[in-house]
Amino acid sequence: MVKKTKIAQKESQQIKPAIQIGKNGIDENTINHIKTIIDKKKVIKVKVLNSALTTEDKGAEMKTIALKIADEAKLKVIRVVGNVITLMKK
């Protein structure tokens, strides 16, 4: 599993975010859209706009958002860098 994650990290450096999350946050439509995209690709990136972040501790909030998306869409978080979350199929 670690090897798959390393390969996915390497591949993710070449891709651009497939979806953006704005001030409306994460809803059922967003999760369904992420599921549709992940069916076609094995690794995706999600960009969270600053307008979606509400607290001063943006790093902790980004991790919370990443875990929420991963849990609801049944994905694995590869990494969170800045406002970009990289996800892959479990």
C-alpha atoms as a PDB file:
ATOM      1  CA  MET A   1       0.000   0.000   0.000  1.00  0.00           C
ATOM      2  CA  VAL A   2       2.883   2.355   0.753  1.00  0.00           C
ATOM      3  CA  LYS A   3       4.288   1.749  -2.718  1.00  0.00           C
ATOM      4  CA  LYS A   4       0.945   2.660  -4.329  1.00  0.00           C
ATOM      5  CA  THR A   5       0.847   5.868  -2.304  1.00  0.00           C
ATOM      6  CA  LYS A   6       4.384   6.809  -3.365  1.00  0.00           C
ATOM      7  CA  ILE A   7       3.550   6.182  -7.023  1.00  0.00           C
ATOM      8  CA  ALA A   8       0.352   8.228  -6.680  1.00  0.00           C
ATOM      9  CA  GLN A   9       2.301  11.098  -5.071  1.00  0.00           C
ATOM     10  CA  LYS A  10       4.718  11.127  -7.979  1.00  0.00           C
ATOM     11  CA  GLU A  11       1.911  11.078 -10.552  1.00  0.00           C
ATOM     12  CA  SER A  12       0.004  13.814  -8.729  1.00  0.00           C
ATOM     13  CA  GLN A  13       2.805  16.312  -9.283  1.00  0.00           C
ATOM     14  CA  GLN A  14       1.867  16.465 -12.963  1.00  0.00           C
ATOM     15  CA  ILE A  15      -1.880  17.022 -12.618  1.00  0.00           C
ATOM     16  CA  LYS A  16      -3.917  20.148 -11.949  1.00  0.00           C
ATOM     17  CA  PRO A  17      -6.821  20.411  -9.501  1.00  0.00           C
ATOM     18  CA  ALA A  18      -9.959  18.815 -10.973  1.00  0.00           C
ATOM     19  CA  ILE A  19     -12.411  20.609  -8.702  1.00  0.00           C
ATOM     20  CA  GLN A  20     -12.567  23.754  -6.569  1.00  0.00           C
ATOM     21  CA  ILE A  21     -14.389  24.151  -3.286  1.00  0.00           C
ATOM     22  CA  GLY A  22     -15.589  27.683  -2.593  1.00  0.00           C
ATOM     23  CA  LYS A  23     -17.577  29.505   0.046  1.00  0.00           C
ATOM     24  CA  ASN A  24     -20.528  27.102  -0.299  1.00  0.00           C
ATOM     25  CA  GLY A  25     -18.311  24.345   1.104  1.00  0.00           C
ATOM     26  CA  ILE A  26     -18.713  20.607   0.687  1.00  0.00           C
ATOM     27  CA  ASP A  27     -22.188  19.341  -0.152  1.00  0.00           C
ATOM     28  CA  GLU A  28     -23.635  16.182  -1.647  1.00  0.00           C
ATOM     29  CA  ASN A  29     -23.193  17.469  -5.221  1.00  0.00           C
ATOM     30  CA  THR A  30     -19.499  18.147  -4.601  1.00  0.00           C
ATOM     31  CA  ILE A  31     -18.964  14.637  -3.234  1.00  0.00           C
ATOM     32  CA  ASN A  32     -20.846  13.088  -6.164  1.00  0.00           C
ATOM     33  CA  HIS A  33     -18.740  15.112  -8.618  1.00  0.00           C
ATOM     34  CA  ILE A  34     -15.529  13.939  -6.903  1.00  0.00           C
ATOM     35  CA  LYS A  35     -16.752  10.313  -7.087  1.00  0.00           C
ATOM     36  CA  THR A  36     -17.463  10.705 -10.804  1.00  0.00           C
ATOM     37  CA  ILE A  37     -13.998  12.101 -11.480  1.00  0.00           C
ATOM     38  CA  ILE A  38     -12.200   9.476  -9.365  1.00  0.00           C
ATOM     39  CA  ASP A  39     -13.940   6.721 -11.362  1.00  0.00           C
ATOM     40  CA  LYS A  40     -12.093   7.972 -14.455  1.00  0.00           C
ATOM     41  CA  LYS A  41      -8.768   8.800 -12.786  1.00  0.00           C
ATOM     42  CA  LYS A  42      -7.012   7.093  -9.915  1.00  0.00           C
ATOM     43  CA  VAL A  43      -5.583  10.323  -8.451  1.00  0.00           C
ATOM     44  CA  ILE A  44      -7.240  13.742  -8.270  1.00  0.00           C
ATOM     45  CA  LYS A  45      -6.539  17.101  -6.725  1.00  0.00           C
ATOM     46  CA  VAL A  46      -9.098  19.327  -5.031  1.00  0.00           C
ATOM     47  CA  LYS A  47      -8.377  23.024  -4.516  1.00  0.00           C
ATOM     48  CA  VAL A  48     -10.017  24.753  -1.556  1.00  0.00           C
ATOM     49  CA  LEU A  49     -10.424  28.477  -2.094  1.00  0.00           C
ATOM     50  CA  ASN A  50      -9.648  30.885   0.753  1.00  0.00           C
ATOM     51  CA  SER A  51     -13.317  31.879   0.862  1.00  0.00           C
ATOM     52  CA  ALA A  52     -14.135  28.335   2.055  1.00  0.00           C
ATOM     53  CA  LEU A  53     -11.789  28.598   5.034  1.00  0.00           C
ATOM     54  CA  THR A  54     -13.309  30.158   8.130  1.00  0.00           C
ATOM     55  CA  THR A  55     -10.709  29.820  10.894  1.00  0.00           C
ATOM     56  CA  GLU A  56      -7.294  31.368  11.422  1.00  0.00           C
ATOM     57  CA  ASP A  57      -5.607  27.945  11.580  1.00  0.00           C
ATOM     58  CA  LYS A  58      -5.863  27.127   7.875  1.00  0.00           C
ATOM     59  CA  GLY A  59      -3.620  24.052   8.090  1.00  0.00           C
ATOM     60  CA  ALA A  60      -5.820  22.299  10.637  1.00  0.00           C
ATOM     61  CA  GLU A  61      -8.966  23.286   8.749  1.00  0.00           C
ATOM     62  CA  MET A  62      -7.532  21.947   5.475  1.00  0.00           C
ATOM     63  CA  LYS A  63      -6.791  18.598   7.145  1.00  0.00           C
ATOM     64  CA  THR A  64     -10.341  18.496   8.501  1.00  0.00           C
ATOM     65  CA  ILE A  65     -11.783  19.229   5.044  1.00  0.00           C
ATOM     66  CA  ALA A  66      -9.524  16.577   3.474  1.00  0.00           C
ATOM     67  CA  LEU A  67     -10.626  13.932   5.973  1.00  0.00           C
ATOM     68  CA  LYS A  68     -14.291  14.859   5.481  1.00  0.00           C
ATOM     69  CA  ILE A  69     -14.019  14.504   1.696  1.00  0.00           C
ATOM     70  CA  ALA A  70     -12.077  11.244   2.003  1.00  0.00           C
ATOM     71  CA  ASP A  71     -14.589   9.789   4.459  1.00  0.00           C
ATOM     72  CA  GLU A  72     -17.700  10.745   2.476  1.00  0.00           C
ATOM     73  CA  ALA A  73     -16.267   9.774  -0.941  1.00  0.00           C
ATOM     74  CA  LYS A  74     -14.473   6.647   0.380  1.00  0.00           C
ATOM     75  CA  LEU A  75     -11.045   7.883  -0.753  1.00  0.00           C
ATOM     76  CA  LYS A  76      -7.561   8.075   0.742  1.00  0.00           C
ATOM     77  CA  VAL A  77      -5.792  11.378   1.392  1.00  0.00           C
ATOM     78  CA  ILE A  78      -2.328  11.292  -0.132  1.00  0.00           C
ATOM     79  CA  ARG A  79      -1.291  14.748   1.010  1.00  0.00           C
ATOM     80  CA  VAL A  80      -2.416  18.266   1.765  1.00  0.00           C
ATOM     81  CA  VAL A  81      -0.167  21.058   0.510  1.00  0.00           C
ATOM     82  CA  GLY A  82      -1.363  24.609   1.017  1.00  0.00           C
ATOM     83  CA  ASN A  83      -4.935  24.756  -0.250  1.00  0.00           C
ATOM     84  CA  VAL A  84      -4.664  21.644  -2.444  1.00  0.00           C
ATOM     85  CA  ILE A  85      -5.754  18.170  -1.360  1.00  0.00           C
ATOM     86  CA  THR A  86      -4.532  15.109  -3.277  1.00  0.00           C
ATOM     87  CA  LEU A  87      -6.794  12.063  -3.121  1.00  0.00           C
ATOM     88  CA  MET A  88      -6.734   8.521  -4.487  1.00  0.00           C
ATOM     89  CA  LYS A  89      -8.964   5.457  -4.485  1.00  0.00           C
ATOM     90  CA  LYS A  90      -8.607   3.193  -1.447  1.00  0.00           C
END
